N, C-alpha and C. Protein backbone atom coordinates (compact mmCIF):
# COMPACT_ATOMS: atom_id res chain seq x y z
N MET A 1 -123.20 -202.67 206.08
CA MET A 1 -123.33 -202.00 204.83
C MET A 1 -124.51 -201.06 204.89
N GLU A 2 -124.29 -199.89 204.28
CA GLU A 2 -125.32 -198.86 204.32
C GLU A 2 -126.07 -198.87 203.00
N ALA A 3 -127.33 -199.19 203.05
CA ALA A 3 -128.14 -199.24 201.85
C ALA A 3 -128.86 -197.93 201.63
N ALA A 4 -129.04 -197.11 202.64
CA ALA A 4 -129.81 -195.87 202.55
C ALA A 4 -128.94 -194.70 202.13
N GLY A 5 -127.71 -194.88 201.90
CA GLY A 5 -126.84 -193.78 201.51
C GLY A 5 -125.80 -193.53 202.57
N PRO A 6 -124.85 -192.73 202.26
CA PRO A 6 -123.78 -192.47 203.23
C PRO A 6 -124.30 -191.67 204.41
N ARG A 7 -123.77 -192.02 205.55
CA ARG A 7 -124.11 -191.26 206.76
C ARG A 7 -123.31 -189.99 206.75
N ARG A 8 -123.95 -188.93 207.14
CA ARG A 8 -123.28 -187.63 207.13
C ARG A 8 -123.08 -187.18 208.55
N SER A 9 -122.02 -186.48 208.69
CA SER A 9 -121.72 -185.94 210.02
C SER A 9 -122.63 -184.75 210.27
N PRO A 10 -122.77 -184.35 211.51
CA PRO A 10 -123.62 -183.19 211.82
C PRO A 10 -123.15 -181.92 211.11
N ILE A 11 -121.87 -181.76 210.88
CA ILE A 11 -121.36 -180.58 210.18
C ILE A 11 -121.80 -180.62 208.72
N GLU A 12 -121.69 -181.82 208.11
CA GLU A 12 -122.12 -181.95 206.72
C GLU A 12 -123.62 -181.69 206.59
N GLN A 13 -124.39 -182.22 207.53
CA GLN A 13 -125.83 -181.99 207.50
C GLN A 13 -126.14 -180.49 207.65
N ALA A 14 -125.43 -179.80 208.53
CA ALA A 14 -125.65 -178.37 208.73
C ALA A 14 -125.27 -177.60 207.46
N MET A 15 -124.19 -178.04 206.80
CA MET A 15 -123.78 -177.38 205.56
C MET A 15 -124.83 -177.57 204.46
N LEU A 16 -125.40 -178.78 204.37
CA LEU A 16 -126.45 -179.04 203.38
C LEU A 16 -127.68 -178.18 203.65
N ARG A 17 -128.07 -178.09 204.96
CA ARG A 17 -129.23 -177.25 205.31
C ARG A 17 -128.95 -175.79 204.96
N LEU A 18 -127.73 -175.34 205.23
CA LEU A 18 -127.35 -173.96 204.93
C LEU A 18 -127.40 -173.71 203.42
N ARG A 19 -126.89 -174.68 202.67
CA ARG A 19 -126.91 -174.54 201.22
C ARG A 19 -128.34 -174.48 200.71
N ASP A 20 -129.22 -175.35 201.21
CA ASP A 20 -130.62 -175.33 200.81
C ASP A 20 -131.27 -173.99 201.16
N THR A 21 -130.95 -173.49 202.33
CA THR A 21 -131.49 -172.20 202.76
C THR A 21 -130.99 -171.08 201.84
N GLN A 22 -129.71 -171.14 201.49
CA GLN A 22 -129.14 -170.12 200.60
C GLN A 22 -129.78 -170.19 199.22
N VAL A 23 -130.03 -171.40 198.73
CA VAL A 23 -130.68 -171.55 197.43
C VAL A 23 -132.08 -170.95 197.48
N GLN A 24 -132.81 -171.23 198.56
CA GLN A 24 -134.16 -170.67 198.70
C GLN A 24 -134.11 -169.14 198.78
N LEU A 25 -133.14 -168.62 199.55
CA LEU A 25 -133.00 -167.17 199.65
C LEU A 25 -132.64 -166.55 198.30
N SER A 26 -131.73 -167.19 197.60
CA SER A 26 -131.33 -166.68 196.28
C SER A 26 -132.51 -166.69 195.32
N THR A 27 -133.29 -167.78 195.36
CA THR A 27 -134.46 -167.87 194.50
C THR A 27 -135.45 -166.77 194.82
N SER A 28 -135.69 -166.55 196.11
CA SER A 28 -136.65 -165.50 196.47
C SER A 28 -136.11 -164.12 196.12
N LYS A 29 -134.79 -163.92 196.25
CA LYS A 29 -134.19 -162.64 195.86
C LYS A 29 -134.32 -162.42 194.35
N ILE A 30 -134.11 -163.48 193.60
CA ILE A 30 -134.24 -163.38 192.14
C ILE A 30 -135.68 -163.05 191.76
N ARG A 31 -136.63 -163.73 192.40
CA ARG A 31 -138.04 -163.44 192.13
C ARG A 31 -138.38 -162.00 192.48
N ALA A 32 -137.88 -161.54 193.63
CA ALA A 32 -138.12 -160.15 194.04
C ALA A 32 -137.47 -159.18 193.05
N SER A 33 -136.30 -159.54 192.55
CA SER A 33 -135.62 -158.69 191.57
C SER A 33 -136.44 -158.60 190.29
N PHE A 34 -136.97 -159.74 189.83
CA PHE A 34 -137.82 -159.72 188.64
C PHE A 34 -139.08 -158.90 188.88
N ALA A 35 -139.64 -158.99 190.07
CA ALA A 35 -140.83 -158.20 190.39
C ALA A 35 -140.50 -156.71 190.34
N ARG A 36 -139.35 -156.32 190.88
CA ARG A 36 -138.94 -154.91 190.81
C ARG A 36 -138.71 -154.48 189.36
N MET A 37 -138.11 -155.36 188.57
CA MET A 37 -137.89 -155.03 187.15
C MET A 37 -139.23 -154.85 186.44
N ASP A 38 -140.20 -155.72 186.74
CA ASP A 38 -141.53 -155.59 186.14
C ASP A 38 -142.19 -154.27 186.55
N ASP A 39 -142.05 -153.90 187.83
CA ASP A 39 -142.61 -152.62 188.29
C ASP A 39 -141.96 -151.46 187.56
N THR A 40 -140.65 -151.52 187.42
CA THR A 40 -139.93 -150.45 186.72
C THR A 40 -140.37 -150.39 185.26
N ALA A 41 -140.51 -151.55 184.63
CA ALA A 41 -140.94 -151.58 183.23
C ALA A 41 -142.35 -151.00 183.09
N ARG A 42 -143.24 -151.32 184.04
CA ARG A 42 -144.60 -150.74 184.01
C ARG A 42 -144.55 -149.22 184.14
N LEU A 43 -143.71 -148.72 185.06
CA LEU A 43 -143.58 -147.27 185.22
C LEU A 43 -143.06 -146.62 183.94
N PHE A 44 -142.05 -147.23 183.33
CA PHE A 44 -141.53 -146.69 182.08
C PHE A 44 -142.60 -146.70 180.99
N GLN A 45 -143.39 -147.76 180.93
CA GLN A 45 -144.45 -147.85 179.92
C GLN A 45 -145.48 -146.75 180.13
N ILE A 46 -145.86 -146.51 181.39
CA ILE A 46 -146.84 -145.45 181.70
C ILE A 46 -146.26 -144.09 181.30
N GLU A 47 -145.00 -143.84 181.67
CA GLU A 47 -144.37 -142.57 181.32
C GLU A 47 -144.24 -142.42 179.81
N TYR A 48 -143.94 -143.51 179.12
CA TYR A 48 -143.84 -143.48 177.67
C TYR A 48 -145.18 -143.11 177.05
N GLU A 49 -146.26 -143.73 177.53
CA GLU A 49 -147.59 -143.42 177.00
C GLU A 49 -147.97 -141.97 177.28
N GLU A 50 -147.65 -141.48 178.49
CA GLU A 50 -147.93 -140.08 178.81
C GLU A 50 -147.14 -139.14 177.90
N THR A 51 -145.88 -139.50 177.66
CA THR A 51 -145.04 -138.67 176.79
C THR A 51 -145.57 -138.67 175.36
N CYS A 52 -146.02 -139.83 174.88
CA CYS A 52 -146.59 -139.90 173.53
C CYS A 52 -147.85 -139.05 173.43
N ALA A 53 -148.70 -139.11 174.46
CA ALA A 53 -149.92 -138.30 174.46
C ALA A 53 -149.57 -136.81 174.48
N MET A 54 -148.57 -136.45 175.29
CA MET A 54 -148.15 -135.05 175.35
C MET A 54 -147.60 -134.60 174.00
N LEU A 55 -146.81 -135.44 173.37
CA LEU A 55 -146.25 -135.13 172.06
C LEU A 55 -147.36 -134.95 171.03
N ALA A 56 -148.37 -135.80 171.08
CA ALA A 56 -149.49 -135.67 170.15
C ALA A 56 -150.21 -134.34 170.36
N ARG A 57 -150.38 -133.93 171.64
CA ARG A 57 -151.03 -132.63 171.91
C ARG A 57 -150.18 -131.48 171.38
N VAL A 58 -148.86 -131.57 171.56
CA VAL A 58 -147.97 -130.52 171.06
C VAL A 58 -148.03 -130.44 169.54
N GLN A 59 -148.01 -131.60 168.88
CA GLN A 59 -148.09 -131.61 167.42
C GLN A 59 -149.41 -131.02 166.93
N ALA A 60 -150.51 -131.37 167.60
CA ALA A 60 -151.81 -130.82 167.21
C ALA A 60 -151.82 -129.30 167.39
N HIS A 61 -151.24 -128.83 168.50
CA HIS A 61 -151.18 -127.38 168.73
C HIS A 61 -150.32 -126.70 167.66
N GLN A 62 -149.20 -127.30 167.32
CA GLN A 62 -148.33 -126.73 166.28
C GLN A 62 -149.06 -126.66 164.94
N GLU A 63 -149.83 -127.68 164.62
CA GLU A 63 -150.59 -127.67 163.38
C GLU A 63 -151.64 -126.56 163.39
N GLU A 64 -152.30 -126.37 164.54
CA GLU A 64 -153.28 -125.29 164.66
C GLU A 64 -152.61 -123.94 164.47
N VAL A 65 -151.47 -123.74 165.12
CA VAL A 65 -150.75 -122.46 165.00
C VAL A 65 -150.29 -122.24 163.56
N ALA A 66 -149.76 -123.28 162.93
CA ALA A 66 -149.30 -123.15 161.55
C ALA A 66 -150.46 -122.82 160.62
N THR A 67 -151.61 -123.47 160.83
CA THR A 67 -152.79 -123.18 160.01
C THR A 67 -153.25 -121.75 160.22
N ALA A 68 -153.27 -121.30 161.47
CA ALA A 68 -153.69 -119.92 161.76
C ALA A 68 -152.72 -118.92 161.12
N CYS A 69 -151.41 -119.18 161.23
CA CYS A 69 -150.43 -118.28 160.61
C CYS A 69 -150.59 -118.26 159.10
N PHE A 70 -150.79 -119.42 158.51
CA PHE A 70 -150.99 -119.50 157.06
C PHE A 70 -152.23 -118.70 156.66
N GLN A 71 -153.30 -118.82 157.44
CA GLN A 71 -154.53 -118.09 157.14
C GLN A 71 -154.31 -116.58 157.22
N VAL A 72 -153.58 -116.13 158.25
CA VAL A 72 -153.29 -114.69 158.39
C VAL A 72 -152.46 -114.20 157.21
N VAL A 73 -151.44 -114.96 156.84
CA VAL A 73 -150.59 -114.56 155.71
C VAL A 73 -151.41 -114.53 154.43
N GLU A 74 -152.23 -115.54 154.22
CA GLU A 74 -153.04 -115.59 153.00
C GLU A 74 -154.01 -114.41 152.94
N ASP A 75 -154.67 -114.11 154.06
CA ASP A 75 -155.58 -112.96 154.11
C ASP A 75 -154.82 -111.67 153.85
N SER A 76 -153.62 -111.54 154.43
CA SER A 76 -152.82 -110.34 154.23
C SER A 76 -152.42 -110.19 152.76
N VAL A 77 -152.03 -111.28 152.14
CA VAL A 77 -151.64 -111.24 150.73
C VAL A 77 -152.82 -110.80 149.88
N VAL A 78 -153.99 -111.36 150.14
CA VAL A 78 -155.18 -110.98 149.37
C VAL A 78 -155.49 -109.50 149.57
N THR A 79 -155.38 -109.03 150.81
CA THR A 79 -155.65 -107.62 151.09
C THR A 79 -154.66 -106.72 150.36
N VAL A 80 -153.38 -107.06 150.41
CA VAL A 80 -152.35 -106.27 149.72
C VAL A 80 -152.62 -106.26 148.22
N GLN A 81 -152.96 -107.41 147.66
CA GLN A 81 -153.25 -107.47 146.23
C GLN A 81 -154.44 -106.58 145.87
N ARG A 82 -155.47 -106.61 146.69
CA ARG A 82 -156.65 -105.77 146.42
C ARG A 82 -156.29 -104.29 146.51
N VAL A 83 -155.49 -103.93 147.53
CA VAL A 83 -155.10 -102.52 147.69
C VAL A 83 -154.28 -102.06 146.49
N ILE A 84 -153.31 -102.87 146.08
CA ILE A 84 -152.47 -102.49 144.95
C ILE A 84 -153.29 -102.41 143.67
N ARG A 85 -154.16 -103.39 143.44
CA ARG A 85 -155.00 -103.35 142.24
C ARG A 85 -155.90 -102.12 142.27
N GLY A 86 -156.45 -101.82 143.42
CA GLY A 86 -157.29 -100.62 143.54
C GLY A 86 -156.51 -99.35 143.29
N PHE A 87 -155.30 -99.27 143.87
CA PHE A 87 -154.45 -98.09 143.67
C PHE A 87 -154.12 -97.92 142.19
N LEU A 88 -153.69 -99.01 141.55
CA LEU A 88 -153.34 -98.94 140.14
C LEU A 88 -154.55 -98.59 139.28
N ALA A 89 -155.68 -99.17 139.61
CA ALA A 89 -156.90 -98.88 138.84
C ALA A 89 -157.30 -97.41 139.00
N ARG A 90 -157.22 -96.88 140.22
CA ARG A 90 -157.56 -95.46 140.42
C ARG A 90 -156.58 -94.56 139.68
N ARG A 91 -155.30 -94.90 139.72
CA ARG A 91 -154.29 -94.10 139.02
C ARG A 91 -154.53 -94.13 137.51
N LEU A 92 -154.81 -95.33 136.99
CA LEU A 92 -155.09 -95.46 135.56
C LEU A 92 -156.35 -94.68 135.18
N PHE A 93 -157.37 -94.76 136.04
CA PHE A 93 -158.60 -94.01 135.78
C PHE A 93 -158.33 -92.51 135.77
N ARG A 94 -157.54 -92.01 136.74
CA ARG A 94 -157.21 -90.58 136.79
C ARG A 94 -156.42 -90.16 135.54
N GLN A 95 -155.51 -91.03 135.10
CA GLN A 95 -154.75 -90.71 133.89
C GLN A 95 -155.68 -90.63 132.68
N ALA A 96 -156.63 -91.58 132.62
CA ALA A 96 -157.58 -91.57 131.50
C ALA A 96 -158.44 -90.31 131.53
N VAL A 97 -158.91 -89.92 132.71
CA VAL A 97 -159.72 -88.70 132.84
C VAL A 97 -158.89 -87.48 132.45
N THR A 98 -157.64 -87.44 132.91
CA THR A 98 -156.76 -86.32 132.57
C THR A 98 -156.52 -86.27 131.07
N LEU A 99 -156.29 -87.41 130.46
CA LEU A 99 -156.05 -87.46 129.01
C LEU A 99 -157.29 -87.01 128.24
N LYS A 100 -158.48 -87.47 128.66
CA LYS A 100 -159.72 -87.06 128.00
C LYS A 100 -159.92 -85.55 128.15
N ALA A 101 -159.63 -85.04 129.33
CA ALA A 101 -159.78 -83.59 129.55
C ALA A 101 -158.80 -82.81 128.67
N ALA A 102 -157.58 -83.30 128.53
CA ALA A 102 -156.59 -82.63 127.68
C ALA A 102 -157.04 -82.63 126.23
N VAL A 103 -157.58 -83.75 125.78
CA VAL A 103 -158.07 -83.84 124.40
C VAL A 103 -159.22 -82.86 124.21
N ARG A 104 -160.14 -82.75 125.14
CA ARG A 104 -161.27 -81.82 125.05
C ARG A 104 -160.78 -80.36 125.00
N VAL A 105 -159.81 -80.06 125.86
CA VAL A 105 -159.26 -78.70 125.89
C VAL A 105 -158.63 -78.38 124.54
N GLN A 106 -157.92 -79.34 123.98
CA GLN A 106 -157.28 -79.10 122.69
C GLN A 106 -158.34 -78.89 121.61
N ARG A 107 -159.43 -79.66 121.64
CA ARG A 107 -160.49 -79.51 120.65
C ARG A 107 -161.16 -78.15 120.79
N VAL A 108 -161.45 -77.79 122.03
CA VAL A 108 -162.13 -76.52 122.27
C VAL A 108 -161.21 -75.36 121.87
N ALA A 109 -159.97 -75.49 122.15
CA ALA A 109 -159.03 -74.43 121.84
C ALA A 109 -158.72 -74.37 120.35
N GLY A 110 -159.16 -75.37 119.62
CA GLY A 110 -158.95 -75.39 118.19
C GLY A 110 -157.62 -75.94 117.79
N LEU A 111 -156.96 -76.52 118.69
CA LEU A 111 -155.69 -77.11 118.33
C LEU A 111 -155.94 -78.48 117.76
N ALA A 112 -155.37 -78.73 116.66
CA ALA A 112 -155.56 -80.02 116.02
C ALA A 112 -154.63 -81.04 116.66
N VAL A 113 -155.18 -82.15 116.92
CA VAL A 113 -154.37 -83.24 117.45
C VAL A 113 -153.95 -84.06 116.26
N ASP A 114 -152.67 -84.20 116.10
CA ASP A 114 -152.16 -84.95 114.97
C ASP A 114 -152.32 -86.42 115.27
N THR A 115 -153.22 -87.07 114.55
CA THR A 115 -153.47 -88.48 114.76
C THR A 115 -152.70 -89.32 113.78
N GLY A 116 -152.04 -88.66 112.84
CA GLY A 116 -151.26 -89.41 111.87
C GLY A 116 -152.05 -89.70 110.62
N ALA A 117 -153.34 -89.38 110.59
CA ALA A 117 -154.16 -89.61 109.39
C ALA A 117 -154.17 -88.33 108.57
N SER A 118 -153.83 -88.38 107.26
CA SER A 118 -153.80 -87.18 106.44
C SER A 118 -154.88 -87.19 105.41
C-alpha cells in the first residue's frame, strides 16, 4: 500500500513539470504584460499633461489676443466719436458764426428782422 501518494510514471512526471513550467512562464508573461501596460499608461499620462499645458498656453494667448483686439476696437471707437463730435461742433460753430454775420449784415443794411414781436 502506498501511503505517500500514487506513483507516477516518468511521462506523468514530465507532464507535471511541463505544466509547472508553463504556469511559471504564463505568470511571468502576465507580469511583463502588466509592466508594459503600466509603461504605456505612464506615457499617456505624460502626453496628457503636456497637452493640457499646451492647451493652457494656447488659451492664455487667445485671451491676450482678444484683449488686445478689444482694446484696439475700443480706442478706435473713442477716436471716431471724438472726430465726429469735433466735426459736428465745428460745423455748428460755423453755422452760428454765419447766422450772426447774416443778422449783423441785415442790421447794418437796415433790414428789419421780423422776430414776431409787434
